[in-house]
Amino acid sequence: MRPYLDRRDAGRRLGTRLLKVLDNERVVVVGLPRGGVPVAYEVARILHCPLDVLVVRKVGVPSQRELAMGAIGEDGAVVVENDTVRRLGISDAEFVRVVAEERIELDRRVRAYRQAVRPIALKDKNVVIVDDGLATGATALAACDVARARGATRVIVATPISSAGAMDRIERAAYEVVSLVRTARPFSVGQWYEHFEQTSDQEVINDLISASRAETPSSDPTSGQL
């Protein structure tokens, strides 16, 4: 039997762990779309904190798109997996071409999500970045770059499952990394879930709207345009 029933089950477990780590500290929880958002929704619900997204995209190797050679994020963030690029002989032109392709989808998602719910200002906030799993950590690193560029005071990365390599990398970029499971073996994130269906844009939007309605605008100091 796999450790997590689905992303929401994993989010509830992760939220319970973060209650102890954060000790009632007020934070902004941000999910990495699409699969990280249902996890982040449960985390935000348990922490009684606002929820937002940071849109990031894996940049896959042209011949093997599931293998990350980097990641991109909002506000022009780019992370390069230098070891993978060198090992596979990926040229600068190839990398730029794939980045341009992924940027189209990233921009589409930004428009879809931001039309549904106003973004939360991260300036001077402590931010918890949540994903459903960290294999290489490239997308989480891009999200860290975006959060810091937007003025976050402290960035914590939280996930139900992480590779040892990803945690080592992110520990150098974030204030803290919280992972319920850490493994040294190569894995795909879906291997850790009984149910791992693809999360749709509409599910992301529904979670954002539901979380925003749970917050009281008049008492929420984090609301506002970036």
C-alpha atoms as a PDB file:
ATOM      1  CA  MET A   1       0.000   0.000   0.000  1.00  0.00           C
ATOM      2  CA  ARG A   2       1.279   3.457  -0.885  1.00  0.00           C
ATOM      3  CA  PRO A   3       1.741   6.034   1.892  1.00  0.00           C
ATOM      4  CA  TYR A   4      -0.867   8.548   0.654  1.00  0.00           C
ATOM      5  CA  LEU A   5      -4.397   7.942  -0.529  1.00  0.00           C
ATOM      6  CA  ASP A   6      -4.404  11.104  -2.666  1.00  0.00           C
ATOM      7  CA  ARG A   7      -3.094  14.669  -2.646  1.00  0.00           C
ATOM      8  CA  ARG A   8      -5.651  15.866  -0.103  1.00  0.00           C
ATOM      9  CA  ASP A   9      -4.761  13.073   2.294  1.00  0.00           C
ATOM     10  CA  ALA A  10      -1.097  14.044   1.895  1.00  0.00           C
ATOM     11  CA  GLY A  11      -1.973  17.710   2.442  1.00  0.00           C
ATOM     12  CA  ARG A  12      -3.770  16.977   5.693  1.00  0.00           C
ATOM     13  CA  ARG A  13      -0.785  15.024   6.981  1.00  0.00           C
ATOM     14  CA  LEU A  14       1.616  17.733   5.873  1.00  0.00           C
ATOM     15  CA  GLY A  15      -0.517  20.442   7.457  1.00  0.00           C
ATOM     16  CA  THR A  16      -0.522  18.575  10.769  1.00  0.00           C
ATOM     17  CA  ARG A  17       3.284  18.410  10.674  1.00  0.00           C
ATOM     18  CA  LEU A  18       3.553  22.105   9.837  1.00  0.00           C
ATOM     19  CA  LEU A  19       1.347  23.019  12.796  1.00  0.00           C
ATOM     20  CA  LYS A  20       4.178  21.827  15.019  1.00  0.00           C
ATOM     21  CA  VAL A  21       6.963  23.314  12.896  1.00  0.00           C
ATOM     22  CA  LEU A  22       5.395  26.773  12.607  1.00  0.00           C
ATOM     23  CA  ASP A  23       4.004  26.934  16.171  1.00  0.00           C
ATOM     24  CA  ASN A  24       0.942  29.039  15.225  1.00  0.00           C
ATOM     25  CA  GLU A  25       3.009  31.407  13.064  1.00  0.00           C
ATOM     26  CA  ARG A  26       0.956  33.299  10.462  1.00  0.00           C
ATOM     27  CA  VAL A  27       2.110  32.514   6.909  1.00  0.00           C
ATOM     28  CA  VAL A  28       0.924  32.635   3.300  1.00  0.00           C
ATOM     29  CA  VAL A  29       0.656  29.157   1.777  1.00  0.00           C
ATOM     30  CA  VAL A  30       1.339  28.908  -1.950  1.00  0.00           C
ATOM     31  CA  GLY A  31       0.806  25.786  -4.050  1.00  0.00           C
ATOM     32  CA  LEU A  32       2.701  24.888  -7.208  1.00  0.00           C
ATOM     33  CA  PRO A  33       0.147  24.182  -9.952  1.00  0.00           C
ATOM     34  CA  ARG A  34      -1.272  22.042 -10.710  1.00  0.00           C
ATOM     35  CA  GLY A  35      -0.744  19.046  -8.441  1.00  0.00           C
ATOM     36  CA  GLY A  36       0.640  21.013  -5.526  1.00  0.00           C
ATOM     37  CA  VAL A  37      -2.501  23.112  -5.110  1.00  0.00           C
ATOM     38  CA  PRO A  38      -4.827  20.466  -3.588  1.00  0.00           C
ATOM     39  CA  VAL A  39      -2.023  19.594  -1.149  1.00  0.00           C
ATOM     40  CA  ALA A  40      -1.542  23.285  -0.338  1.00  0.00           C
ATOM     41  CA  TYR A  41      -5.299  23.792   0.073  1.00  0.00           C
ATOM     42  CA  GLU A  42      -5.420  21.274   2.910  1.00  0.00           C
ATOM     43  CA  VAL A  43      -2.277  22.754   4.461  1.00  0.00           C
ATOM     44  CA  ALA A  44      -3.770  26.261   4.383  1.00  0.00           C
ATOM     45  CA  ARG A  45      -7.058  24.999   5.828  1.00  0.00           C
ATOM     46  CA  ILE A  46      -5.319  23.330   8.766  1.00  0.00           C
ATOM     47  CA  LEU A  47      -3.043  26.318   9.395  1.00  0.00           C
ATOM     48  CA  HIS A  48      -5.947  28.787   8.987  1.00  0.00           C
ATOM     49  CA  CYS A  49      -3.797  30.789   6.565  1.00  0.00           C
ATOM     50  CA  PRO A  50      -4.463  32.266   3.101  1.00  0.00           C
ATOM     51  CA  LEU A  51      -3.767  30.278  -0.059  1.00  0.00           C
ATOM     52  CA  ASP A  52      -2.299  31.385  -3.373  1.00  0.00           C
ATOM     53  CA  VAL A  53      -0.355  29.879  -6.273  1.00  0.00           C
ATOM     54  CA  LEU A  54       3.084  30.457  -7.758  1.00  0.00           C
ATOM     55  CA  VAL A  55       3.007  29.275 -11.347  1.00  0.00           C
ATOM     56  CA  VAL A  56       6.088  27.285 -12.343  1.00  0.00           C
ATOM     57  CA  ARG A  57       6.805  24.861 -15.177  1.00  0.00           C
ATOM     58  CA  LYS A  58       9.300  22.083 -15.588  1.00  0.00           C
ATOM     59  CA  VAL A  59      11.597  22.430 -18.615  1.00  0.00           C
ATOM     60  CA  GLY A  60      11.945  18.877 -19.902  1.00  0.00           C
ATOM     61  CA  VAL A  61      14.684  17.335 -22.010  1.00  0.00           C
ATOM     62  CA  PRO A  62      13.488  17.433 -25.663  1.00  0.00           C
ATOM     63  CA  SER A  63      13.690  13.655 -26.118  1.00  0.00           C
ATOM     64  CA  GLN A  64      12.408  12.837 -22.618  1.00  0.00           C
ATOM     65  CA  ARG A  65      10.061  15.552 -21.387  1.00  0.00           C
ATOM     66  CA  GLU A  66       9.544  13.948 -17.974  1.00  0.00           C
ATOM     67  CA  LEU A  67      13.250  14.467 -17.207  1.00  0.00           C
ATOM     68  CA  ALA A  68      13.830  18.019 -16.006  1.00  0.00           C
ATOM     69  CA  MET A  69      16.689  20.049 -17.403  1.00  0.00           C
ATOM     70  CA  GLY A  70      15.392  23.131 -15.622  1.00  0.00           C
ATOM     71  CA  ALA A  71      12.299  25.059 -14.620  1.00  0.00           C
ATOM     72  CA  ILE A  72      10.713  28.450 -15.191  1.00  0.00           C
ATOM     73  CA  GLY A  73       8.416  30.563 -13.071  1.00  0.00           C
ATOM     74  CA  GLU A  74       6.437  33.763 -13.001  1.00  0.00           C
ATOM     75  CA  ASP A  75       8.373  37.043 -13.179  1.00  0.00           C
ATOM     76  CA  GLY A  76      10.978  35.499 -15.507  1.00  0.00           C
ATOM     77  CA  ALA A  77      12.509  33.030 -13.027  1.00  0.00           C
ATOM     78  CA  VAL A  78      14.708  30.368 -14.685  1.00  0.00           C
ATOM     79  CA  VAL A  79      16.502  27.434 -13.042  1.00  0.00           C
ATOM     80  CA  VAL A  80      18.960  25.317 -15.048  1.00  0.00           C
ATOM     81  CA  GLU A  81      19.849  21.718 -14.165  1.00  0.00           C
ATOM     82  CA  ASN A  82      23.467  22.154 -15.223  1.00  0.00           C
ATOM     83  CA  ASP A  83      24.521  18.536 -14.621  1.00  0.00           C
ATOM     84  CA  THR A  84      21.681  17.211 -16.791  1.00  0.00           C
ATOM     85  CA  VAL A  85      22.309  19.771 -19.530  1.00  0.00           C
ATOM     86  CA  ARG A  86      26.023  18.909 -19.663  1.00  0.00           C
ATOM     87  CA  ARG A  87      25.526  15.147 -19.435  1.00  0.00           C
ATOM     88  CA  LEU A  88      23.013  15.068 -22.292  1.00  0.00           C
ATOM     89  CA  GLY A  89      24.757  17.665 -24.417  1.00  0.00           C
ATOM     90  CA  ILE A  90      21.793  20.041 -24.506  1.00  0.00           C
ATOM     91  CA  SER A  91      22.722  23.137 -26.495  1.00  0.00           C
ATOM     92  CA  ASP A  92      21.876  26.663 -25.416  1.00  0.00           C
ATOM     93  CA  ALA A  93      19.574  26.954 -28.446  1.00  0.00           C
ATOM     94  CA  GLU A  94      17.668  23.791 -27.491  1.00  0.00           C
ATOM     95  CA  PHE A  95      17.235  24.979 -23.923  1.00  0.00           C
ATOM     96  CA  VAL A  96      15.982  28.396 -25.016  1.00  0.00           C
ATOM     97  CA  ARG A  97      13.552  26.795 -27.486  1.00  0.00           C
ATOM     98  CA  VAL A  98      11.970  24.553 -24.851  1.00  0.00           C
ATOM     99  CA  VAL A  99      11.804  27.429 -22.358  1.00  0.00           C
ATOM    100  CA  ALA A 100       9.908  29.492 -24.936  1.00  0.00           C
ATOM    101  CA  GLU A 101       7.436  26.632 -25.475  1.00  0.00           C
ATOM    102  CA  GLU A 102       6.851  26.156 -21.749  1.00  0.00           C
ATOM    103  CA  ARG A 103       6.520  29.912 -21.211  1.00  0.00           C
ATOM    104  CA  ILE A 104       3.415  29.915 -23.437  1.00  0.00           C
ATOM    105  CA  GLU A 105       1.678  27.395 -21.162  1.00  0.00           C
ATOM    106  CA  LEU A 106       2.921  29.144 -18.014  1.00  0.00           C
ATOM    107  CA  ASP A 107       1.493  32.476 -19.183  1.00  0.00           C
ATOM    108  CA  ARG A 108      -1.821  30.816 -20.047  1.00  0.00           C
ATOM    109  CA  ARG A 109      -2.108  29.401 -16.540  1.00  0.00           C
ATOM    110  CA  VAL A 110      -1.204  32.718 -14.946  1.00  0.00           C
ATOM    111  CA  ARG A 111      -4.017  34.426 -16.866  1.00  0.00           C
ATOM    112  CA  ALA A 112      -6.526  31.696 -15.947  1.00  0.00           C
ATOM    113  CA  TYR A 113      -5.731  31.676 -12.237  1.00  0.00           C
ATOM    114  CA  ARG A 114      -5.339  35.420 -11.777  1.00  0.00           C
ATOM    115  CA  GLN A 115      -8.635  36.132 -13.526  1.00  0.00           C
ATOM    116  CA  ALA A 116     -10.340  33.918 -10.957  1.00  0.00           C
ATOM    117  CA  VAL A 117      -8.694  35.201  -7.764  1.00  0.00           C
ATOM    118  CA  ARG A 118      -6.573  38.241  -7.017  1.00  0.00           C
ATOM    119  CA  PRO A 119      -2.958  37.432  -6.091  1.00  0.00           C
ATOM    120  CA  ILE A 120      -1.745  37.803  -2.527  1.00  0.00           C
ATOM    121  CA  ALA A 121       1.083  40.234  -1.857  1.00  0.00           C
ATOM    122  CA  LEU A 122       4.128  38.374  -0.516  1.00  0.00           C
ATOM    123  CA  LYS A 123       6.171  41.397   0.498  1.00  0.00           C
ATOM    124  CA  ASP A 124       7.285  41.106   4.139  1.00  0.00           C
ATOM    125  CA  LYS A 125       5.395  37.815   4.526  1.00  0.00           C
ATOM    126  CA  ASN A 126       6.622  34.392   5.584  1.00  0.00           C
ATOM    127  CA  VAL A 127       5.748  32.011   2.748  1.00  0.00           C
ATOM    128  CA  VAL A 128       5.267  28.234   2.708  1.00  0.00           C
ATOM    129  CA  ILE A 129       5.698  26.780  -0.804  1.00  0.00           C
ATOM    130  CA  VAL A 130       3.905  23.435  -1.214  1.00  0.00           C
ATOM    131  CA  ASP A 131       4.204  20.794  -3.941  1.00  0.00           C
ATOM    132  CA  ASP A 132       2.915  17.222  -4.161  1.00  0.00           C
ATOM    133  CA  GLY A 133       6.477  15.863  -4.415  1.00  0.00           C
ATOM    134  CA  LEU A 134      10.034  16.937  -5.161  1.00  0.00           C
ATOM    135  CA  ALA A 135      12.008  14.666  -7.461  1.00  0.00           C
ATOM    136  CA  THR A 136      14.696  17.070  -8.705  1.00  0.00           C
ATOM    137  CA  GLY A 137      13.516  20.195  -6.891  1.00  0.00           C
ATOM    138  CA  ALA A 138      13.868  22.396  -9.981  1.00  0.00           C
ATOM    139  CA  THR A 139      10.321  23.772  -9.891  1.00  0.00           C
ATOM    140  CA  ALA A 140      10.499  24.464  -6.156  1.00  0.00           C
ATOM    141  CA  LEU A 141      13.766  26.344  -6.673  1.00  0.00           C
ATOM    142  CA  ALA A 142      12.092  28.504  -9.343  1.00  0.00           C
ATOM    143  CA  ALA A 143       9.233  29.173  -6.916  1.00  0.00           C
ATOM    144  CA  CYS A 144      11.712  30.198  -4.214  1.00  0.00           C
ATOM    145  CA  ASP A 145      13.227  32.702  -6.660  1.00  0.00           C
ATOM    146  CA  VAL A 146       9.791  34.161  -7.410  1.00  0.00           C
ATOM    147  CA  ALA A 147       8.812  34.421  -3.736  1.00  0.00           C
ATOM    148  CA  ARG A 148      12.050  36.181  -2.812  1.00  0.00           C
ATOM    149  CA  ALA A 149      11.750  38.522  -5.793  1.00  0.00           C
ATOM    150  CA  ARG A 150       8.282  39.471  -4.522  1.00  0.00           C
ATOM    151  CA  GLY A 151       9.718  40.413  -1.141  1.00  0.00           C
ATOM    152  CA  ALA A 152       9.007  37.358   1.001  1.00  0.00           C
ATOM    153  CA  THR A 153      10.759  37.621   4.341  1.00  0.00           C
ATOM    154  CA  ARG A 154      11.251  33.899   4.819  1.00  0.00           C
ATOM    155  CA  VAL A 155      10.606  30.985   2.447  1.00  0.00           C
ATOM    156  CA  ILE A 156       9.804  27.466   3.646  1.00  0.00           C
ATOM    157  CA  VAL A 157       9.315  24.571   1.215  1.00  0.00           C
ATOM    158  CA  ALA A 158       6.991  21.742   2.288  1.00  0.00           C
ATOM    159  CA  THR A 159       6.120  18.483   0.550  1.00  0.00           C
ATOM    160  CA  PRO A 160       4.848  14.972   1.322  1.00  0.00           C
ATOM    161  CA  ILE A 161       7.775  13.269  -0.471  1.00  0.00           C
ATOM    162  CA  SER A 162      11.231  14.422  -1.550  1.00  0.00           C
ATOM    163  CA  SER A 163      14.403  12.933  -2.901  1.00  0.00           C
ATOM    164  CA  ALA A 164      17.499  13.431  -0.786  1.00  0.00           C
ATOM    165  CA  GLY A 165      19.112  15.323  -3.650  1.00  0.00           C
ATOM    166  CA  ALA A 166      16.209  17.736  -4.000  1.00  0.00           C
ATOM    167  CA  MET A 167      16.164  18.432  -0.277  1.00  0.00           C
ATOM    168  CA  ASP A 168      19.894  19.101  -0.223  1.00  0.00           C
ATOM    169  CA  ARG A 169      19.533  21.632  -3.043  1.00  0.00           C
ATOM    170  CA  ILE A 170      16.495  23.374  -1.638  1.00  0.00           C
ATOM    171  CA  GLU A 171      17.951  23.563   1.874  1.00  0.00           C
ATOM    172  CA  ARG A 172      20.546  25.919   0.393  1.00  0.00           C
ATOM    173  CA  ALA A 173      17.848  28.112  -1.177  1.00  0.00           C
ATOM    174  CA  ALA A 174      15.095  28.131   1.450  1.00  0.00           C
ATOM    175  CA  TYR A 175      14.953  28.980   5.129  1.00  0.00           C
ATOM    176  CA  GLU A 176      13.668  25.477   5.883  1.00  0.00           C
ATOM    177  CA  VAL A 177      12.479  22.350   4.070  1.00  0.00           C
ATOM    178  CA  VAL A 178       9.782  20.099   5.534  1.00  0.00           C
ATOM    179  CA  SER A 179       9.249  16.697   3.921  1.00  0.00           C
ATOM    180  CA  LEU A 180       7.203  13.877   5.456  1.00  0.00           C
ATOM    181  CA  VAL A 181       9.272  11.294   3.575  1.00  0.00           C
ATOM    182  CA  ARG A 182      12.806  11.621   2.266  1.00  0.00           C
ATOM    183  CA  THR A 183      14.213   8.920  -0.005  1.00  0.00           C
ATOM    184  CA  ALA A 184      17.599   8.357  -1.597  1.00  0.00           C
ATOM    185  CA  ARG A 185      16.123   6.190  -4.368  1.00  0.00           C
ATOM    186  CA  PRO A 186      15.026   7.605  -7.751  1.00  0.00           C
ATOM    187  CA  PHE A 187      11.233   7.860  -7.963  1.00  0.00           C
ATOM    188  CA  SER A 188       8.274   9.383  -9.708  1.00  0.00           C
ATOM    189  CA  VAL A 189       5.924  11.333  -7.463  1.00  0.00           C
ATOM    190  CA  GLY A 190       2.884   9.278  -8.460  1.00  0.00           C
ATOM    191  CA  GLN A 191       4.442   6.119  -7.003  1.00  0.00           C
ATOM    192  CA  TRP A 192       3.674   7.456  -3.520  1.00  0.00           C
ATOM    193  CA  TYR A 193      -0.068   7.937  -4.060  1.00  0.00           C
ATOM    194  CA  GLU A 194      -2.907   5.414  -4.378  1.00  0.00           C
ATOM    195  CA  HIS A 195      -4.782   7.928  -6.553  1.00  0.00           C
ATOM    196  CA  PHE A 196      -2.727  10.370  -8.626  1.00  0.00           C
ATOM    197  CA  GLU A 197      -5.022  11.685 -11.331  1.00  0.00           C
ATOM    198  CA  GLN A 198      -3.975  14.840 -13.151  1.00  0.00           C
ATOM    199  CA  THR A 199      -5.220  18.007 -11.465  1.00  0.00           C
ATOM    200  CA  SER A 200      -7.178  20.261 -13.821  1.00  0.00           C
ATOM    201  CA  ASP A 201      -7.075  24.041 -14.102  1.00  0.00           C
ATOM    202  CA  GLN A 202     -10.662  24.148 -12.873  1.00  0.00           C
ATOM    203  CA  GLU A 203      -9.744  22.223  -9.728  1.00  0.00           C
ATOM    204  CA  VAL A 204      -6.970  24.731  -9.057  1.00  0.00           C
ATOM    205  CA  ILE A 205      -9.369  27.633  -9.567  1.00  0.00           C
ATOM    206  CA  ASN A 206     -12.021  26.016  -7.354  1.00  0.00           C
ATOM    207  CA  ASP A 207      -9.522  25.571  -4.519  1.00  0.00           C
ATOM    208  CA  LEU A 208      -8.335  29.168  -4.827  1.00  0.00           C
ATOM    209  CA  ILE A 209     -11.890  30.508  -4.773  1.00  0.00           C
ATOM    210  CA  SER A 210     -12.877  28.285  -1.849  1.00  0.00           C
ATOM    211  CA  ALA A 211      -9.816  29.345   0.158  1.00  0.00           C
ATOM    212  CA  SER A 212     -10.382  33.035  -0.592  1.00  0.00           C
ATOM    213  CA  ARG A 213     -13.982  32.788   0.627  1.00  0.00           C
ATOM    214  CA  ALA A 214     -12.774  31.204   3.857  1.00  0.00           C
ATOM    215  CA  GLU A 215     -10.649  34.306   4.547  1.00  0.00           C
ATOM    216  CA  THR A 216     -12.387  37.410   5.898  1.00  0.00           C
ATOM    217  CA  PRO A 217     -11.252  40.284   3.630  1.00  0.00           C
ATOM    218  CA  SER A 218     -11.642  42.968   6.273  1.00  0.00           C
ATOM    219  CA  SER A 219      -9.329  41.121   8.650  1.00  0.00           C
ATOM    220  CA  ASP A 220      -6.868  39.629   6.191  1.00  0.00           C
ATOM    221  CA  PRO A 221      -3.706  41.790   6.034  1.00  0.00           C
ATOM    222  CA  THR A 222      -2.253  39.739   3.177  1.00  0.00           C
ATOM    223  CA  SER A 223      -4.827  40.590   0.544  1.00  0.00           C
ATOM    224  CA  GLY A 224      -3.931  42.938  -2.289  1.00  0.00           C
ATOM    225  CA  GLN A 225      -2.461  43.237  -5.709  1.00  0.00           C
ATOM    226  CA  LEU A 226       1.201  42.593  -6.293  1.00  0.00           C
END
